[in-house]
């Protein structure tokens, strides 16, 4: 399954409370994504919470964009990515 980096801008900052309400919001995203065959792997958030960089697995960029539309999340860019880490050359 392809993996994508999704950049999102939140002009007022992204606020997800560390409460049951926040958990329900995140689970709502997971459930909506599943209807499009998309899996939210994890996200990185800037200190000011205005940008997120989210890793998603999904069948296509269109599926990722459709899932975002269902949840009302913004999408700036979607880029297909692959893992590159320092362990790639282990044993070379």
C-alpha atoms as a PDB file:
ATOM      1  CA  UNK A   1       0.000   0.000   0.000  1.00  0.00           C
ATOM      2  CA  UNK A   2       1.416   3.422  -0.865  1.00  0.00           C
ATOM      3  CA  UNK A   3       2.396   5.808   1.919  1.00  0.00           C
ATOM      4  CA  UNK A   4       1.749   9.554   1.779  1.00  0.00           C
ATOM      5  CA  UNK A   5       2.939  12.673   3.577  1.00  0.00           C
ATOM      6  CA  UNK A   6       0.033  15.092   3.955  1.00  0.00           C
ATOM      7  CA  UNK A   7       0.755  18.707   4.871  1.00  0.00           C
ATOM      8  CA  UNK A   8      -2.060  20.642   6.523  1.00  0.00           C
ATOM      9  CA  UNK A   9      -2.268  24.283   7.596  1.00  0.00           C
ATOM     10  CA  UNK A  10      -4.324  25.367  10.606  1.00  0.00           C
ATOM     11  CA  UNK A  11      -4.192  29.200  10.659  1.00  0.00           C
ATOM     12  CA  UNK A  12      -5.643  29.345  14.184  1.00  0.00           C
ATOM     13  CA  UNK A  13      -3.640  26.355  15.406  1.00  0.00           C
ATOM     14  CA  UNK A  14      -4.732  22.762  15.845  1.00  0.00           C
ATOM     15  CA  UNK A  15      -6.212  22.096  19.258  1.00  0.00           C
ATOM     16  CA  UNK A  16      -7.063  18.526  20.217  1.00  0.00           C
ATOM     17  CA  UNK A  17      -7.941  18.339  23.909  1.00  0.00           C
ATOM     18  CA  UNK A  18      -6.387  15.511  25.913  1.00  0.00           C
ATOM     19  CA  UNK A  19      -9.833  14.465  27.050  1.00  0.00           C
ATOM     20  CA  UNK A  20     -12.403  11.902  25.997  1.00  0.00           C
ATOM     21  CA  UNK A  21     -13.733  14.537  23.582  1.00  0.00           C
ATOM     22  CA  UNK A  22     -10.317  14.725  21.882  1.00  0.00           C
ATOM     23  CA  UNK A  23     -10.099  10.938  21.763  1.00  0.00           C
ATOM     24  CA  UNK A  24     -13.543  10.744  20.151  1.00  0.00           C
ATOM     25  CA  UNK A  25     -12.457  13.301  17.561  1.00  0.00           C
ATOM     26  CA  UNK A  26      -9.382  11.278  16.655  1.00  0.00           C
ATOM     27  CA  UNK A  27     -11.382   8.052  16.480  1.00  0.00           C
ATOM     28  CA  UNK A  28     -13.872   9.805  14.202  1.00  0.00           C
ATOM     29  CA  UNK A  29     -11.027  10.578  11.815  1.00  0.00           C
ATOM     30  CA  UNK A  30      -9.850   6.955  11.958  1.00  0.00           C
ATOM     31  CA  UNK A  31     -13.365   5.674  11.240  1.00  0.00           C
ATOM     32  CA  UNK A  32     -13.972   8.089   8.347  1.00  0.00           C
ATOM     33  CA  UNK A  33     -10.586   7.229   6.850  1.00  0.00           C
ATOM     34  CA  UNK A  34     -11.438   3.528   6.940  1.00  0.00           C
ATOM     35  CA  UNK A  35     -14.431   4.121   4.671  1.00  0.00           C
ATOM     36  CA  UNK A  36     -11.936   5.222   2.000  1.00  0.00           C
ATOM     37  CA  UNK A  37      -9.369   2.466   2.691  1.00  0.00           C
ATOM     38  CA  UNK A  38      -7.025   5.014   4.321  1.00  0.00           C
ATOM     39  CA  UNK A  39      -5.024   4.554   7.540  1.00  0.00           C
ATOM     40  CA  UNK A  40      -3.657   7.445   9.620  1.00  0.00           C
ATOM     41  CA  UNK A  41      -0.231   6.253  10.811  1.00  0.00           C
ATOM     42  CA  UNK A  42       0.890   9.311  12.814  1.00  0.00           C
ATOM     43  CA  UNK A  43       1.404  13.058  12.583  1.00  0.00           C
ATOM     44  CA  UNK A  44       4.018  15.668  13.398  1.00  0.00           C
ATOM     45  CA  UNK A  45       2.847  19.060  14.659  1.00  0.00           C
ATOM     46  CA  UNK A  46       4.863  22.299  14.673  1.00  0.00           C
ATOM     47  CA  UNK A  47       5.378  24.096  17.993  1.00  0.00           C
ATOM     48  CA  UNK A  48       2.854  26.786  17.096  1.00  0.00           C
ATOM     49  CA  UNK A  49       0.361  24.065  16.011  1.00  0.00           C
ATOM     50  CA  UNK A  50      -0.217  25.821  12.687  1.00  0.00           C
ATOM     51  CA  UNK A  51       1.165  23.006  10.516  1.00  0.00           C
ATOM     52  CA  UNK A  52       0.883  19.257  10.628  1.00  0.00           C
ATOM     53  CA  UNK A  53       2.746  16.661   8.599  1.00  0.00           C
ATOM     54  CA  UNK A  54       0.725  13.465   8.630  1.00  0.00           C
ATOM     55  CA  UNK A  55       1.708  10.009   7.454  1.00  0.00           C
ATOM     56  CA  UNK A  56      -1.077   8.027   5.810  1.00  0.00           C
ATOM     57  CA  UNK A  57      -1.316   4.675   4.060  1.00  0.00           C
ATOM     58  CA  UNK A  58      -3.926   4.480   1.346  1.00  0.00           C
ATOM     59  CA  UNK A  59      -4.722   3.307  -2.144  1.00  0.00           C
ATOM     60  CA  UNK A  60      -4.281   6.719  -3.808  1.00  0.00           C
ATOM     61  CA  UNK A  61      -3.938  10.456  -3.203  1.00  0.00           C
ATOM     62  CA  UNK A  62      -7.609  10.799  -4.184  1.00  0.00           C
ATOM     63  CA  UNK A  63      -8.610   8.385  -1.408  1.00  0.00           C
ATOM     64  CA  UNK A  64      -6.579  10.390   1.122  1.00  0.00           C
ATOM     65  CA  UNK A  65      -8.181  13.627  -0.110  1.00  0.00           C
ATOM     66  CA  UNK A  66     -11.675  12.073   0.056  1.00  0.00           C
ATOM     67  CA  UNK A  67     -11.062  10.926   3.631  1.00  0.00           C
ATOM     68  CA  UNK A  68      -9.946  14.441   4.572  1.00  0.00           C
ATOM     69  CA  UNK A  69     -13.086  15.857   2.988  1.00  0.00           C
ATOM     70  CA  UNK A  70     -15.241  13.566   5.131  1.00  0.00           C
ATOM     71  CA  UNK A  71     -13.590  14.838   8.314  1.00  0.00           C
ATOM     72  CA  UNK A  72     -13.311  18.486   7.300  1.00  0.00           C
ATOM     73  CA  UNK A  73      -9.522  18.448   7.565  1.00  0.00           C
ATOM     74  CA  UNK A  74      -7.545  20.764   5.272  1.00  0.00           C
ATOM     75  CA  UNK A  75      -5.060  19.378   2.743  1.00  0.00           C
ATOM     76  CA  UNK A  76      -2.228  21.529   1.383  1.00  0.00           C
ATOM     77  CA  UNK A  77      -0.199  18.824  -0.327  1.00  0.00           C
ATOM     78  CA  UNK A  78      -0.130  15.054  -0.647  1.00  0.00           C
ATOM     79  CA  UNK A  79       3.219  13.498  -1.545  1.00  0.00           C
ATOM     80  CA  UNK A  80       3.930   9.801  -1.969  1.00  0.00           C
ATOM     81  CA  UNK A  81       6.933   8.866   0.188  1.00  0.00           C
ATOM     82  CA  UNK A  82       9.135   5.903   1.037  1.00  0.00           C
ATOM     83  CA  UNK A  83      11.138   5.169   4.167  1.00  0.00           C
ATOM     84  CA  UNK A  84      14.820   6.092   4.178  1.00  0.00           C
ATOM     85  CA  UNK A  85      16.647   5.631   7.439  1.00  0.00           C
ATOM     86  CA  UNK A  86      20.255   5.176   8.596  1.00  0.00           C
ATOM     87  CA  UNK A  87      19.724   1.434   8.960  1.00  0.00           C
ATOM     88  CA  UNK A  88      19.295   1.004   5.204  1.00  0.00           C
ATOM     89  CA  UNK A  89      23.055   0.398   4.831  1.00  0.00           C
ATOM     90  CA  UNK A  90      23.352  -2.031   7.748  1.00  0.00           C
ATOM     91  CA  UNK A  91      25.633  -4.906   6.829  1.00  0.00           C
ATOM     92  CA  UNK A  92      26.867  -3.303   3.610  1.00  0.00           C
END
